[in-house]
N, C-alpha and C. Protein backbone atom coordinates (compact mmCIF):
# COMPACT_ATOMS: atom_id res chain seq x y z
N MET A 1 -2.78 -11.04 -22.37
CA MET A 1 -1.79 -12.06 -22.28
C MET A 1 -1.10 -11.94 -20.91
N ALA A 2 -0.81 -13.03 -20.26
CA ALA A 2 -0.16 -13.07 -18.95
C ALA A 2 1.30 -12.70 -19.09
N ILE A 3 1.76 -11.92 -18.09
CA ILE A 3 3.15 -11.53 -18.03
C ILE A 3 3.99 -12.74 -17.58
N ALA A 4 3.47 -13.43 -16.58
CA ALA A 4 4.23 -14.61 -15.97
C ALA A 4 3.23 -15.51 -15.29
N GLN A 5 3.71 -16.70 -14.89
CA GLN A 5 2.90 -17.67 -14.22
C GLN A 5 3.58 -18.08 -13.01
N SER A 6 2.78 -18.53 -11.96
CA SER A 6 3.28 -19.09 -10.73
C SER A 6 2.46 -20.35 -10.45
N LYS A 7 3.10 -21.34 -9.75
CA LYS A 7 2.37 -22.51 -9.27
C LYS A 7 2.12 -22.35 -7.74
N VAL A 8 0.99 -22.88 -7.31
CA VAL A 8 0.66 -22.86 -5.88
C VAL A 8 1.20 -24.17 -5.30
N THR A 9 1.94 -24.10 -4.17
CA THR A 9 2.41 -25.30 -3.49
C THR A 9 1.33 -25.92 -2.67
N ALA A 10 1.62 -27.12 -2.18
CA ALA A 10 0.63 -27.79 -1.30
C ALA A 10 0.38 -26.97 -0.03
N GLN A 11 1.26 -26.15 0.37
CA GLN A 11 1.04 -25.25 1.54
C GLN A 11 0.37 -23.90 1.15
N GLY A 12 -0.02 -23.74 -0.11
CA GLY A 12 -0.68 -22.52 -0.56
C GLY A 12 0.25 -21.37 -0.85
N GLN A 13 1.55 -21.66 -1.00
CA GLN A 13 2.52 -20.60 -1.28
C GLN A 13 2.77 -20.41 -2.74
N ILE A 14 3.18 -19.23 -3.18
CA ILE A 14 3.59 -19.06 -4.56
C ILE A 14 4.90 -18.28 -4.58
N SER A 15 5.60 -18.37 -5.70
CA SER A 15 6.80 -17.48 -5.88
C SER A 15 6.41 -16.36 -6.89
N VAL A 16 6.87 -15.18 -6.56
CA VAL A 16 6.57 -14.08 -7.43
C VAL A 16 7.69 -14.05 -8.51
N PRO A 17 7.37 -14.16 -9.77
CA PRO A 17 8.37 -14.17 -10.82
C PRO A 17 9.32 -12.99 -10.79
N ALA A 18 10.51 -13.17 -11.20
CA ALA A 18 11.57 -12.13 -11.10
C ALA A 18 11.14 -10.91 -11.88
N GLU A 19 10.58 -11.06 -13.07
CA GLU A 19 10.15 -9.92 -13.86
C GLU A 19 9.10 -9.08 -13.07
N ILE A 20 8.25 -9.70 -12.36
CA ILE A 20 7.20 -8.96 -11.59
C ILE A 20 7.90 -8.27 -10.42
N ARG A 21 8.79 -8.92 -9.75
CA ARG A 21 9.49 -8.30 -8.61
C ARG A 21 10.22 -7.09 -9.10
N ARG A 22 10.84 -7.16 -10.21
CA ARG A 22 11.57 -5.98 -10.77
C ARG A 22 10.58 -4.84 -11.14
N ARG A 23 9.55 -5.14 -11.83
CA ARG A 23 8.54 -4.13 -12.15
C ARG A 23 7.94 -3.39 -11.01
N LEU A 24 7.65 -4.14 -9.93
CA LEU A 24 6.96 -3.59 -8.75
C LEU A 24 7.97 -3.15 -7.66
N GLY A 25 9.24 -3.42 -7.86
CA GLY A 25 10.17 -3.07 -6.83
C GLY A 25 9.99 -3.82 -5.53
N LEU A 26 9.75 -5.09 -5.70
CA LEU A 26 9.49 -5.96 -4.57
C LEU A 26 10.82 -6.58 -4.05
N GLY A 27 10.91 -6.66 -2.74
CA GLY A 27 12.13 -7.33 -2.13
C GLY A 27 11.64 -8.05 -0.89
N PRO A 28 12.54 -8.66 -0.17
CA PRO A 28 12.20 -9.35 1.11
C PRO A 28 11.41 -8.46 1.96
N GLY A 29 10.29 -8.97 2.52
CA GLY A 29 9.48 -8.09 3.43
C GLY A 29 8.46 -7.29 2.74
N SER A 30 8.45 -7.24 1.43
CA SER A 30 7.40 -6.43 0.69
C SER A 30 6.05 -7.09 0.98
N VAL A 31 5.02 -6.24 1.04
CA VAL A 31 3.67 -6.73 1.26
C VAL A 31 2.83 -6.62 -0.02
N LEU A 32 2.12 -7.60 -0.35
CA LEU A 32 1.23 -7.61 -1.51
C LEU A 32 -0.25 -7.59 -1.05
N GLU A 33 -1.07 -6.80 -1.77
CA GLU A 33 -2.52 -6.80 -1.48
C GLU A 33 -3.21 -7.67 -2.59
N TRP A 34 -4.14 -8.39 -2.15
CA TRP A 34 -4.95 -9.25 -3.08
C TRP A 34 -6.37 -8.75 -3.01
N ASP A 35 -6.96 -8.59 -4.22
CA ASP A 35 -8.31 -8.09 -4.33
C ASP A 35 -9.08 -8.90 -5.37
N GLU A 36 -10.34 -9.09 -5.14
CA GLU A 36 -11.20 -9.89 -6.24
C GLU A 36 -12.22 -8.91 -6.70
N LYS A 37 -12.36 -8.84 -8.03
CA LYS A 37 -13.31 -7.98 -8.68
C LYS A 37 -13.81 -8.68 -9.92
N SER A 38 -15.09 -8.89 -9.98
CA SER A 38 -15.79 -9.52 -11.12
C SER A 38 -15.09 -10.81 -11.53
N GLY A 39 -14.77 -11.66 -10.53
CA GLY A 39 -14.24 -12.96 -10.83
C GLY A 39 -12.76 -12.93 -11.20
N GLU A 40 -12.05 -11.79 -11.10
CA GLU A 40 -10.60 -11.68 -11.33
C GLU A 40 -9.85 -11.30 -10.07
N VAL A 41 -8.71 -11.80 -9.92
CA VAL A 41 -7.91 -11.52 -8.73
C VAL A 41 -6.87 -10.50 -9.13
N ILE A 42 -6.74 -9.45 -8.40
CA ILE A 42 -5.78 -8.33 -8.64
C ILE A 42 -4.77 -8.35 -7.52
N VAL A 43 -3.49 -8.43 -7.87
CA VAL A 43 -2.43 -8.43 -6.84
C VAL A 43 -1.61 -7.19 -7.11
N ARG A 44 -1.36 -6.40 -6.04
CA ARG A 44 -0.58 -5.22 -6.20
C ARG A 44 0.29 -4.96 -4.99
N LYS A 45 1.29 -4.19 -5.12
CA LYS A 45 2.21 -3.87 -4.01
C LYS A 45 1.39 -2.94 -3.04
N ALA A 46 1.43 -3.26 -1.75
CA ALA A 46 0.68 -2.52 -0.75
C ALA A 46 1.39 -1.20 -0.48
N GLY A 47 0.59 -0.15 -0.33
CA GLY A 47 1.14 1.13 0.01
C GLY A 47 1.49 1.17 1.50
N ARG A 48 2.26 2.15 1.93
CA ARG A 48 2.62 2.24 3.36
C ARG A 48 1.47 2.83 4.13
N TYR A 49 0.64 3.68 3.55
CA TYR A 49 -0.45 4.32 4.20
C TYR A 49 -1.73 4.15 3.39
N THR A 50 -2.85 3.88 4.08
CA THR A 50 -4.11 3.80 3.32
C THR A 50 -4.63 5.18 3.07
N SER A 51 -5.50 5.31 2.12
CA SER A 51 -6.15 6.58 1.84
C SER A 51 -6.90 7.09 3.04
N ALA A 52 -7.42 6.23 3.90
CA ALA A 52 -8.17 6.63 5.10
C ALA A 52 -7.18 7.28 6.07
N GLN A 53 -5.95 6.76 6.17
CA GLN A 53 -4.96 7.29 7.12
C GLN A 53 -4.50 8.68 6.64
N VAL A 54 -4.33 8.84 5.33
CA VAL A 54 -3.94 10.17 4.84
C VAL A 54 -5.12 11.17 4.99
N HIS A 55 -6.35 10.73 4.74
CA HIS A 55 -7.49 11.61 4.92
C HIS A 55 -7.57 12.07 6.33
N GLU A 56 -7.45 11.18 7.30
CA GLU A 56 -7.51 11.50 8.73
C GLU A 56 -6.43 12.49 9.12
N ALA A 57 -5.19 12.29 8.60
CA ALA A 57 -4.08 13.21 8.94
C ALA A 57 -4.39 14.61 8.44
N LEU A 58 -4.98 14.69 7.26
CA LEU A 58 -5.24 15.99 6.69
C LEU A 58 -6.50 16.67 7.18
N PHE A 59 -7.54 15.94 7.40
CA PHE A 59 -8.86 16.50 7.66
C PHE A 59 -9.43 16.26 9.06
N GLY A 60 -8.78 15.33 9.72
CA GLY A 60 -9.40 14.98 11.04
C GLY A 60 -10.75 14.28 10.84
N GLY A 61 -11.64 14.50 11.73
CA GLY A 61 -12.97 13.92 11.56
C GLY A 61 -13.98 14.83 10.90
N THR A 62 -13.59 16.04 10.51
CA THR A 62 -14.51 17.07 9.99
C THR A 62 -14.80 16.89 8.50
N GLY A 63 -13.90 16.36 7.75
CA GLY A 63 -14.02 16.29 6.29
C GLY A 63 -13.59 17.51 5.56
N LYS A 64 -13.20 18.53 6.38
CA LYS A 64 -12.68 19.76 5.81
C LYS A 64 -11.24 19.94 6.23
N PRO A 65 -10.43 20.58 5.41
CA PRO A 65 -9.02 20.85 5.81
C PRO A 65 -8.94 21.56 7.14
N LYS A 66 -7.94 21.15 7.96
CA LYS A 66 -7.75 21.81 9.19
C LYS A 66 -7.30 23.22 8.91
N PRO A 67 -7.74 24.19 9.75
CA PRO A 67 -7.42 25.60 9.50
C PRO A 67 -5.92 25.83 9.28
N GLY A 68 -5.55 26.53 8.23
CA GLY A 68 -4.13 26.85 7.93
C GLY A 68 -3.31 25.63 7.53
N MET A 69 -3.99 24.52 7.16
CA MET A 69 -3.29 23.30 6.85
C MET A 69 -2.80 23.23 5.40
N ASP A 70 -1.52 23.13 5.31
CA ASP A 70 -0.96 22.87 3.92
C ASP A 70 -0.87 21.34 3.76
N VAL A 71 -1.33 20.83 2.65
CA VAL A 71 -1.39 19.38 2.49
C VAL A 71 -0.04 18.68 2.68
N LYS A 72 0.98 19.19 2.06
CA LYS A 72 2.35 18.53 2.23
C LYS A 72 2.82 18.63 3.70
N ASP A 73 2.57 19.78 4.36
CA ASP A 73 3.00 19.87 5.74
C ASP A 73 2.18 18.96 6.64
N GLY A 74 0.90 18.76 6.32
CA GLY A 74 0.07 17.86 7.07
C GLY A 74 0.53 16.44 6.99
N ILE A 75 0.95 15.97 5.80
CA ILE A 75 1.48 14.61 5.63
C ILE A 75 2.77 14.47 6.38
N ARG A 76 3.68 15.45 6.21
CA ARG A 76 4.98 15.34 6.91
C ARG A 76 4.74 15.23 8.45
N LYS A 77 3.84 16.12 8.98
CA LYS A 77 3.61 16.09 10.45
C LYS A 77 3.03 14.78 10.91
N HIS A 78 2.11 14.22 10.14
CA HIS A 78 1.54 12.91 10.49
C HIS A 78 2.63 11.77 10.45
N ILE A 79 3.40 11.78 9.43
CA ILE A 79 4.46 10.71 9.34
C ILE A 79 5.48 10.82 10.50
N ARG A 80 5.85 12.14 10.82
CA ARG A 80 6.80 12.27 11.94
C ARG A 80 6.14 11.79 13.30
N GLN A 81 4.92 12.09 13.44
CA GLN A 81 4.20 11.64 14.71
C GLN A 81 4.07 10.10 14.78
N ARG A 82 3.78 9.58 13.59
CA ARG A 82 3.62 8.09 13.54
C ARG A 82 4.89 7.33 13.81
N HIS A 83 6.03 7.90 13.35
CA HIS A 83 7.33 7.28 13.48
C HIS A 83 8.16 7.81 14.59
N ALA A 84 7.63 8.69 15.49
CA ALA A 84 8.35 9.28 16.57
C ALA A 84 8.84 8.14 17.52
N ARG A 85 9.97 8.30 17.99
CA ARG A 85 10.56 7.38 18.97
C ARG A 85 10.43 8.00 20.34
N GLY A 86 10.06 7.24 21.24
CA GLY A 86 10.02 7.83 22.54
C GLY A 86 9.04 7.30 23.43
């Protein structure tokens, strides 16, 4: 059973129902990902980092953890570098 419905405007826009915005924590500027699988469309809140970005931060190009790398420390370091001002 559907949680809610939206209509598509002539410009191809839709409104996200309030219940869905609350459940997903969506606000102005939130990004949604659209995916199609077996004839169904899946809409989800986009993450800030892709799994490929996380993998690269932790493992580099080798596929193996960097020597002495702690997973949490690796993620923190990558985020700091990505958001460094300067």
